[in-house]
Structure formats: C-alpha cells, structure tokens
Amino acid sequence: MRVEQISVFLENKAGRLSEVTRILAEAQINIRALSLADTSDFGILRLIVSDNDKAKDALRKHGFTVGKTDVVAVEVGDRPGGLHAILEVLRKANVNVEYMYAFVQQSGNNAVIIFRFDHLDEAVKVLTESGIKVIEGKTLYGM
C-alpha cells in the first residue's frame, strides 16, 4: 500500500522547474501528482510519476539530486469535510502527518491525498481498519 514518491532538490532560480519538466517530458514520463516546497535558496519538488526508475535516471543524468520516499495515497470524498474525517481518524489513533498534498482524479467524485507519516505501516493499518480506501502505487502510476 506504499507509493514511491521521488524528491528533486532544486536551486531556487528561474528555469530550474521548467528544466525538470522538460527532462521528464522528453523521457515520456507522466507526472501524476506534485508538490513544491521552497526556501530562499532551494526547493524540494515531490513527484508521483508514471515510471520512477526512468525518471530518477533521467534527472540524475542531468545533474539533479533525486531521492525516494514512501508515501501513502488515500481516496477522499471530494466534498466539504472529506479531509477532516480522515484527519480525525488519524488524530484519534495518534498518527502524525509529516506533510501532505492533494489532487483531484480526472473522473469520479473523489480526490486523492498523498500523505507522509512518521509511522507509515501504523497509518495504513489505522486507515484501512477505518474503511478508508488506500490506493496502490500502480493505480497512481497509471499502470
């Protein structure tokens, strides 16, 4: 139930993000979800892509530092209170969310939230036991 996310470290200067997307496009890699966090000097681009290994190789060949992190993808009702219901389940189980980002699927009535937890296996257990749908990586990767 884990999803592999790649993280790309970027200098905070014009054109660096465009360079990443160009490299991925040329390698025929589809970006499924992303989040960008920055400081004054650098940023961390977090990506869920269609082919992790190919993406990492392509980016590293162009000098980017790329890491891998396991995250969890959860289906959330795309309605007021949908996210709150999931966060309440996690709060009651004392599961900490390190960070998260979301996207809306192209079809259906649900959004997908990508979570990074301090205790990933415990979080997956709590979510599934509460009837919350955890999405497999291959579903997100478009396979």
N, C-alpha and C. Protein backbone atom coordinates (compact mmCIF):
# COMPACT_ATOMS: atom_id res chain seq x y z
N MET A 1 0.81 -1.21 0.00
CA MET A 1 0.00 0.00 0.00
C MET A 1 0.85 1.27 0.00
N ARG A 2 2.12 1.09 -0.20
CA ARG A 2 3.01 2.24 -0.26
C ARG A 2 3.09 2.75 -1.70
N VAL A 3 3.32 4.02 -1.82
CA VAL A 3 3.52 4.65 -3.11
C VAL A 3 4.91 5.27 -3.08
N GLU A 4 5.67 5.05 -4.15
CA GLU A 4 7.00 5.65 -4.21
C GLU A 4 6.89 7.05 -4.78
N GLN A 5 7.44 7.98 -4.04
CA GLN A 5 7.49 9.38 -4.45
C GLN A 5 8.96 9.72 -4.67
N ILE A 6 9.24 10.48 -5.71
CA ILE A 6 10.61 10.96 -5.88
C ILE A 6 10.67 12.42 -5.46
N SER A 7 11.80 12.81 -4.90
CA SER A 7 12.02 14.19 -4.48
C SER A 7 13.23 14.72 -5.24
N VAL A 8 13.07 15.88 -5.82
CA VAL A 8 14.13 16.50 -6.60
C VAL A 8 14.51 17.80 -5.90
N PHE A 9 15.79 17.97 -5.63
CA PHE A 9 16.26 19.17 -4.98
C PHE A 9 16.64 20.19 -6.06
N LEU A 10 16.06 21.38 -5.94
CA LEU A 10 16.22 22.41 -6.96
C LEU A 10 16.80 23.69 -6.36
N GLU A 11 17.70 24.31 -7.09
CA GLU A 11 18.10 25.66 -6.74
C GLU A 11 16.90 26.55 -6.98
N ASN A 12 16.71 27.51 -6.11
CA ASN A 12 15.58 28.43 -6.25
C ASN A 12 15.97 29.56 -7.20
N LYS A 13 15.92 29.21 -8.50
CA LYS A 13 16.22 30.22 -9.53
C LYS A 13 15.36 29.93 -10.76
N ALA A 14 15.16 30.95 -11.55
CA ALA A 14 14.30 30.86 -12.73
C ALA A 14 14.75 29.75 -13.66
N GLY A 15 13.79 28.96 -14.13
CA GLY A 15 14.05 27.96 -15.14
C GLY A 15 14.34 26.56 -14.63
N ARG A 16 14.66 26.40 -13.35
CA ARG A 16 15.01 25.06 -12.84
C ARG A 16 13.81 24.11 -12.88
N LEU A 17 12.64 24.59 -12.51
CA LEU A 17 11.45 23.74 -12.54
C LEU A 17 11.11 23.36 -13.98
N SER A 18 11.22 24.29 -14.89
CA SER A 18 10.98 24.02 -16.30
C SER A 18 11.96 22.98 -16.83
N GLU A 19 13.19 23.02 -16.35
CA GLU A 19 14.19 22.06 -16.79
C GLU A 19 13.78 20.64 -16.38
N VAL A 20 13.27 20.49 -15.15
CA VAL A 20 12.81 19.18 -14.68
C VAL A 20 11.67 18.68 -15.55
N THR A 21 10.68 19.52 -15.80
CA THR A 21 9.53 19.08 -16.59
C THR A 21 9.93 18.77 -18.03
N ARG A 22 10.90 19.49 -18.58
CA ARG A 22 11.40 19.19 -19.92
C ARG A 22 12.05 17.81 -19.96
N ILE A 23 12.90 17.53 -18.99
CA ILE A 23 13.58 16.24 -18.93
C ILE A 23 12.57 15.10 -18.83
N LEU A 24 11.57 15.26 -17.98
CA LEU A 24 10.56 14.22 -17.82
C LEU A 24 9.72 14.06 -19.09
N ALA A 25 9.38 15.16 -19.71
CA ALA A 25 8.59 15.10 -20.96
C ALA A 25 9.38 14.39 -22.06
N GLU A 26 10.66 14.72 -22.20
CA GLU A 26 11.49 14.08 -23.22
C GLU A 26 11.65 12.58 -22.96
N ALA A 27 11.58 12.18 -21.69
CA ALA A 27 11.71 10.77 -21.33
C ALA A 27 10.35 10.06 -21.35
N GLN A 28 9.31 10.79 -21.78
CA GLN A 28 7.95 10.23 -21.86
C GLN A 28 7.43 9.77 -20.50
N ILE A 29 7.71 10.57 -19.47
CA ILE A 29 7.27 10.27 -18.11
C ILE A 29 6.13 11.22 -17.76
N ASN A 30 5.03 10.64 -17.32
CA ASN A 30 3.85 11.42 -16.95
C ASN A 30 3.91 11.77 -15.47
N ILE A 31 3.69 13.03 -15.16
CA ILE A 31 3.60 13.48 -13.77
C ILE A 31 2.17 13.28 -13.32
N ARG A 32 1.97 12.46 -12.29
CA ARG A 32 0.63 12.14 -11.78
C ARG A 32 0.22 13.09 -10.67
N ALA A 33 1.18 13.52 -9.85
CA ALA A 33 0.92 14.47 -8.75
C ALA A 33 2.23 15.14 -8.41
N LEU A 34 2.14 16.34 -7.84
CA LEU A 34 3.36 17.03 -7.44
C LEU A 34 3.09 18.03 -6.33
N SER A 35 4.16 18.35 -5.65
CA SER A 35 4.15 19.38 -4.61
C SER A 35 5.51 20.05 -4.65
N LEU A 36 5.53 21.35 -4.47
CA LEU A 36 6.79 22.08 -4.45
C LEU A 36 6.84 22.90 -3.17
N ALA A 37 7.87 22.69 -2.39
CA ALA A 37 8.12 23.48 -1.18
C ALA A 37 9.45 24.18 -1.38
N ASP A 38 9.53 25.42 -0.93
CA ASP A 38 10.77 26.14 -1.17
C ASP A 38 11.22 26.93 0.05
N THR A 39 12.50 27.28 0.00
CA THR A 39 13.10 28.24 0.91
C THR A 39 13.70 29.32 0.01
N SER A 40 14.42 30.23 0.59
CA SER A 40 15.01 31.28 -0.25
C SER A 40 16.11 30.74 -1.17
N ASP A 41 16.73 29.63 -0.81
CA ASP A 41 17.86 29.11 -1.58
C ASP A 41 17.56 27.89 -2.44
N PHE A 42 16.64 27.03 -2.00
CA PHE A 42 16.37 25.81 -2.73
C PHE A 42 14.92 25.38 -2.54
N GLY A 43 14.52 24.43 -3.36
CA GLY A 43 13.18 23.87 -3.25
C GLY A 43 13.25 22.35 -3.30
N ILE A 44 12.19 21.73 -2.83
CA ILE A 44 12.05 20.28 -2.93
C ILE A 44 10.79 20.02 -3.73
N LEU A 45 10.98 19.42 -4.89
CA LEU A 45 9.87 19.06 -5.76
C LEU A 45 9.57 17.59 -5.50
N ARG A 46 8.36 17.33 -5.00
CA ARG A 46 7.93 15.96 -4.73
C ARG A 46 7.00 15.53 -5.84
N LEU A 47 7.28 14.35 -6.41
CA LEU A 47 6.54 13.90 -7.59
C LEU A 47 6.09 12.45 -7.46
N ILE A 48 4.88 12.19 -7.96
CA ILE A 48 4.43 10.84 -8.24
C ILE A 48 4.41 10.78 -9.77
N VAL A 49 5.17 9.85 -10.34
CA VAL A 49 5.31 9.79 -11.80
C VAL A 49 4.98 8.39 -12.32
N SER A 50 4.82 8.29 -13.62
CA SER A 50 4.44 7.03 -14.25
C SER A 50 5.55 5.98 -14.25
N ASP A 51 6.81 6.39 -14.16
CA ASP A 51 7.92 5.45 -14.16
C ASP A 51 9.04 6.02 -13.29
N ASN A 52 9.08 5.59 -12.04
CA ASN A 52 10.03 6.15 -11.07
C ASN A 52 11.48 5.93 -11.46
N ASP A 53 11.83 4.71 -11.83
CA ASP A 53 13.23 4.42 -12.15
C ASP A 53 13.72 5.23 -13.34
N LYS A 54 12.91 5.29 -14.37
CA LYS A 54 13.26 6.04 -15.57
C LYS A 54 13.39 7.54 -15.25
N ALA A 55 12.49 8.05 -14.41
CA ALA A 55 12.54 9.46 -14.02
C ALA A 55 13.80 9.76 -13.23
N LYS A 56 14.10 8.91 -12.25
CA LYS A 56 15.31 9.13 -11.44
C LYS A 56 16.56 9.11 -12.31
N ASP A 57 16.65 8.14 -13.21
CA ASP A 57 17.81 8.04 -14.09
C ASP A 57 17.96 9.27 -14.97
N ALA A 58 16.86 9.69 -15.59
CA ALA A 58 16.89 10.85 -16.49
C ALA A 58 17.31 12.11 -15.75
N LEU A 59 16.76 12.32 -14.56
CA LEU A 59 17.08 13.53 -13.80
C LEU A 59 18.52 13.50 -13.29
N ARG A 60 18.98 12.35 -12.84
CA ARG A 60 20.36 12.25 -12.34
C ARG A 60 21.36 12.47 -13.47
N LYS A 61 21.04 11.99 -14.69
CA LYS A 61 21.92 12.21 -15.83
C LYS A 61 22.10 13.69 -16.14
N HIS A 62 21.11 14.49 -15.74
CA HIS A 62 21.19 15.93 -15.96
C HIS A 62 21.65 16.68 -14.71
N GLY A 63 22.20 15.96 -13.75
CA GLY A 63 22.83 16.60 -12.59
C GLY A 63 21.92 16.90 -11.42
N PHE A 64 20.69 16.44 -11.43
CA PHE A 64 19.79 16.69 -10.31
C PHE A 64 20.00 15.67 -9.20
N THR A 65 19.85 16.11 -7.98
CA THR A 65 19.87 15.21 -6.83
C THR A 65 18.44 14.73 -6.62
N VAL A 66 18.27 13.40 -6.64
CA VAL A 66 16.94 12.81 -6.58
C VAL A 66 16.90 11.80 -5.44
N GLY A 67 15.86 11.89 -4.62
CA GLY A 67 15.66 10.93 -3.53
C GLY A 67 14.36 10.19 -3.71
N LYS A 68 14.16 9.19 -2.87
CA LYS A 68 12.95 8.37 -2.90
C LYS A 68 12.35 8.32 -1.50
N THR A 69 11.04 8.43 -1.44
CA THR A 69 10.32 8.37 -0.17
C THR A 69 9.06 7.55 -0.39
N ASP A 70 8.73 6.73 0.60
CA ASP A 70 7.46 6.02 0.55
C ASP A 70 6.39 6.89 1.20
N VAL A 71 5.27 7.01 0.50
CA VAL A 71 4.13 7.77 0.98
C VAL A 71 2.89 6.90 0.85
N VAL A 72 1.76 7.42 1.29
CA VAL A 72 0.50 6.70 1.21
C VAL A 72 -0.50 7.57 0.46
N ALA A 73 -1.22 6.97 -0.47
CA ALA A 73 -2.26 7.67 -1.22
C ALA A 73 -3.62 7.21 -0.70
N VAL A 74 -4.47 8.16 -0.37
CA VAL A 74 -5.76 7.86 0.23
C VAL A 74 -6.85 8.54 -0.60
N GLU A 75 -7.90 7.79 -0.87
CA GLU A 75 -9.05 8.36 -1.59
C GLU A 75 -9.92 9.10 -0.59
N VAL A 76 -10.29 10.32 -0.95
CA VAL A 76 -11.07 11.18 -0.07
C VAL A 76 -12.28 11.69 -0.84
N GLY A 77 -13.43 11.66 -0.21
CA GLY A 77 -14.61 12.24 -0.84
C GLY A 77 -14.37 13.70 -1.14
N ASP A 78 -14.59 14.10 -2.38
CA ASP A 78 -14.37 15.49 -2.81
C ASP A 78 -15.59 16.32 -2.43
N ARG A 79 -15.68 16.59 -1.13
CA ARG A 79 -16.81 17.32 -0.56
C ARG A 79 -16.36 17.99 0.73
N PRO A 80 -17.09 18.97 1.21
CA PRO A 80 -16.73 19.59 2.49
C PRO A 80 -16.67 18.54 3.61
N GLY A 81 -15.59 18.54 4.36
CA GLY A 81 -15.43 17.62 5.48
C GLY A 81 -14.76 16.31 5.14
N GLY A 82 -14.52 16.04 3.86
CA GLY A 82 -13.89 14.78 3.46
C GLY A 82 -12.51 14.60 4.07
N LEU A 83 -11.68 15.59 3.98
CA LEU A 83 -10.34 15.53 4.55
C LEU A 83 -10.41 15.49 6.07
N HIS A 84 -11.30 16.28 6.65
CA HIS A 84 -11.41 16.32 8.11
C HIS A 84 -11.72 14.94 8.69
N ALA A 85 -12.58 14.18 8.03
CA ALA A 85 -12.94 12.84 8.53
C ALA A 85 -11.70 11.95 8.61
N ILE A 86 -10.84 12.02 7.62
CA ILE A 86 -9.62 11.21 7.62
C ILE A 86 -8.64 11.69 8.68
N LEU A 87 -8.50 12.99 8.80
CA LEU A 87 -7.58 13.53 9.80
C LEU A 87 -8.06 13.22 11.22
N GLU A 88 -9.35 13.15 11.43
CA GLU A 88 -9.89 12.77 12.74
C GLU A 88 -9.55 11.33 13.08
N VAL A 89 -9.65 10.43 12.10
CA VAL A 89 -9.27 9.03 12.32
C VAL A 89 -7.81 8.96 12.73
N LEU A 90 -6.96 9.69 12.04
CA LEU A 90 -5.53 9.70 12.33
C LEU A 90 -5.24 10.32 13.70
N ARG A 91 -5.93 11.41 14.01
CA ARG A 91 -5.73 12.07 15.31
C ARG A 91 -6.08 11.14 16.45
N LYS A 92 -7.22 10.47 16.34
CA LYS A 92 -7.66 9.56 17.40
C LYS A 92 -6.69 8.40 17.61
N ALA A 93 -6.00 8.01 16.56
CA ALA A 93 -5.01 6.94 16.65
C ALA A 93 -3.61 7.48 16.96
N ASN A 94 -3.50 8.79 17.16
CA ASN A 94 -2.24 9.45 17.47
C ASN A 94 -1.18 9.24 16.38
N VAL A 95 -1.62 9.29 15.11
CA VAL A 95 -0.72 9.17 13.96
C VAL A 95 -0.38 10.57 13.47
N ASN A 96 0.91 10.84 13.35
CA ASN A 96 1.36 12.16 12.93
C ASN A 96 1.51 12.25 11.41
N VAL A 97 1.00 13.32 10.84
CA VAL A 97 1.16 13.62 9.42
C VAL A 97 2.36 14.55 9.28
N GLU A 98 3.39 14.11 8.56
CA GLU A 98 4.56 14.96 8.35
C GLU A 98 4.29 16.01 7.28
N TYR A 99 3.68 15.59 6.17
CA TYR A 99 3.23 16.51 5.14
C TYR A 99 2.21 15.80 4.27
N MET A 100 1.52 16.58 3.45
CA MET A 100 0.53 16.02 2.54
C MET A 100 0.28 16.98 1.39
N TYR A 101 -0.23 16.44 0.30
CA TYR A 101 -0.69 17.25 -0.82
C TYR A 101 -1.78 16.48 -1.52
N ALA A 102 -2.55 17.16 -2.35
CA ALA A 102 -3.75 16.53 -2.91
C ALA A 102 -3.86 16.81 -4.40
N PHE A 103 -4.67 15.97 -5.06
CA PHE A 103 -5.09 16.23 -6.42
C PHE A 103 -6.44 15.58 -6.64
N VAL A 104 -7.17 16.07 -7.62
CA VAL A 104 -8.48 15.52 -7.94
C VAL A 104 -8.31 14.61 -9.14
N GLN A 105 -8.87 13.40 -9.06
CA GLN A 105 -8.78 12.47 -10.17
C GLN A 105 -9.58 13.00 -11.35
N GLN A 106 -9.24 12.54 -12.54
CA GLN A 106 -9.89 13.04 -13.75
C GLN A 106 -11.36 12.65 -13.82
N SER A 107 -11.72 11.54 -13.20
CA SER A 107 -13.12 11.14 -13.21
C SER A 107 -13.51 10.70 -11.82
N GLY A 108 -14.78 10.73 -11.54
CA GLY A 108 -15.24 10.31 -10.23
C GLY A 108 -15.46 11.49 -9.31
N ASN A 109 -15.86 11.17 -8.12
CA ASN A 109 -16.20 12.20 -7.14
C ASN A 109 -15.21 12.25 -5.99
N ASN A 110 -14.02 11.76 -6.20
CA ASN A 110 -13.06 11.69 -5.13
C ASN A 110 -11.77 12.42 -5.46
N ALA A 111 -11.14 12.88 -4.42
CA ALA A 111 -9.80 13.44 -4.53
C ALA A 111 -8.83 12.40 -3.99
N VAL A 112 -7.56 12.60 -4.24
CA VAL A 112 -6.53 11.74 -3.68
C VAL A 112 -5.60 12.62 -2.87
N ILE A 113 -5.35 12.18 -1.64
CA ILE A 113 -4.41 12.88 -0.77
C ILE A 113 -3.17 12.00 -0.64
N ILE A 114 -2.01 12.59 -0.84
CA ILE A 114 -0.74 11.91 -0.63
C ILE A 114 -0.25 12.31 0.75
N PHE A 115 -0.01 11.32 1.61
CA PHE A 115 0.43 11.57 2.98
C PHE A 115 1.83 11.00 3.20
N ARG A 116 2.62 11.72 3.97
CA ARG A 116 3.86 11.20 4.52
C ARG A 116 3.64 11.15 6.03
N PHE A 117 3.80 9.95 6.61
CA PHE A 117 3.57 9.73 8.03
C PHE A 117 4.87 9.40 8.73
N ASP A 118 4.92 9.69 10.03
CA ASP A 118 6.10 9.29 10.79
C ASP A 118 6.13 7.78 10.99
N HIS A 119 4.98 7.12 11.06
CA HIS A 119 4.90 5.66 11.18
C HIS A 119 3.96 5.14 10.10
N LEU A 120 4.52 4.91 8.92
CA LEU A 120 3.74 4.60 7.73
C LEU A 120 2.88 3.33 7.87
N ASP A 121 3.45 2.24 8.34
CA ASP A 121 2.70 0.99 8.45
C ASP A 121 1.54 1.11 9.43
N GLU A 122 1.78 1.78 10.53
CA GLU A 122 0.71 2.01 11.50
C GLU A 122 -0.41 2.84 10.89
N ALA A 123 -0.05 3.86 10.14
CA ALA A 123 -1.04 4.73 9.50
C ALA A 123 -1.89 3.94 8.51
N VAL A 124 -1.26 3.10 7.69
CA VAL A 124 -2.01 2.29 6.72
C VAL A 124 -2.99 1.38 7.44
N LYS A 125 -2.55 0.76 8.52
CA LYS A 125 -3.42 -0.13 9.29
C LYS A 125 -4.62 0.63 9.84
N VAL A 126 -4.39 1.78 10.43
CA VAL A 126 -5.47 2.59 11.00
C VAL A 126 -6.46 3.01 9.91
N LEU A 127 -5.95 3.43 8.79
CA LEU A 127 -6.81 3.88 7.69
C LEU A 127 -7.66 2.74 7.16
N THR A 128 -7.04 1.62 6.86
CA THR A 128 -7.79 0.51 6.28
C THR A 128 -8.78 -0.07 7.26
N GLU A 129 -8.41 -0.16 8.53
CA GLU A 129 -9.35 -0.67 9.54
C GLU A 129 -10.54 0.27 9.74
N SER A 130 -10.36 1.53 9.37
CA SER A 130 -11.45 2.51 9.48
C SER A 130 -12.28 2.59 8.20
N GLY A 131 -11.97 1.73 7.23
CA GLY A 131 -12.74 1.70 5.99
C GLY A 131 -12.35 2.78 5.00
N ILE A 132 -11.20 3.39 5.20
CA ILE A 132 -10.72 4.44 4.29
C ILE A 132 -9.90 3.76 3.20
N LYS A 133 -10.19 4.11 1.94
CA LYS A 133 -9.53 3.46 0.81
C LYS A 133 -8.11 3.99 0.62
N VAL A 134 -7.15 3.06 0.74
CA VAL A 134 -5.75 3.36 0.47
C VAL A 134 -5.46 2.85 -0.94
N ILE A 135 -4.86 3.69 -1.76
CA ILE A 135 -4.67 3.39 -3.18
C ILE A 135 -3.27 2.82 -3.41
N GLU A 136 -3.20 1.76 -4.19
CA GLU A 136 -1.92 1.15 -4.53
C GLU A 136 -1.15 2.04 -5.50
N GLY A 137 0.18 1.93 -5.43
CA GLY A 137 1.03 2.73 -6.30
C GLY A 137 0.76 2.52 -7.76
N LYS A 138 0.59 1.27 -8.19
CA LYS A 138 0.40 1.01 -9.62
C LYS A 138 -0.85 1.72 -10.16
N THR A 139 -1.83 1.94 -9.32
CA THR A 139 -3.03 2.68 -9.73
C THR A 139 -2.68 4.13 -10.01
N LEU A 140 -1.88 4.71 -9.13
CA LEU A 140 -1.49 6.11 -9.32
C LEU A 140 -0.52 6.31 -10.46
N TYR A 141 0.38 5.33 -10.64
CA TYR A 141 1.38 5.46 -11.68
C TYR A 141 0.76 5.38 -13.07
N GLY A 142 -0.51 4.93 -13.15
CA GLY A 142 -1.18 4.82 -14.43
C GLY A 142 -0.94 3.49 -15.10
N MET A 143 -0.63 2.47 -14.32
CA MET A 143 -0.35 1.14 -14.87
C MET A 143 -1.61 0.31 -14.93
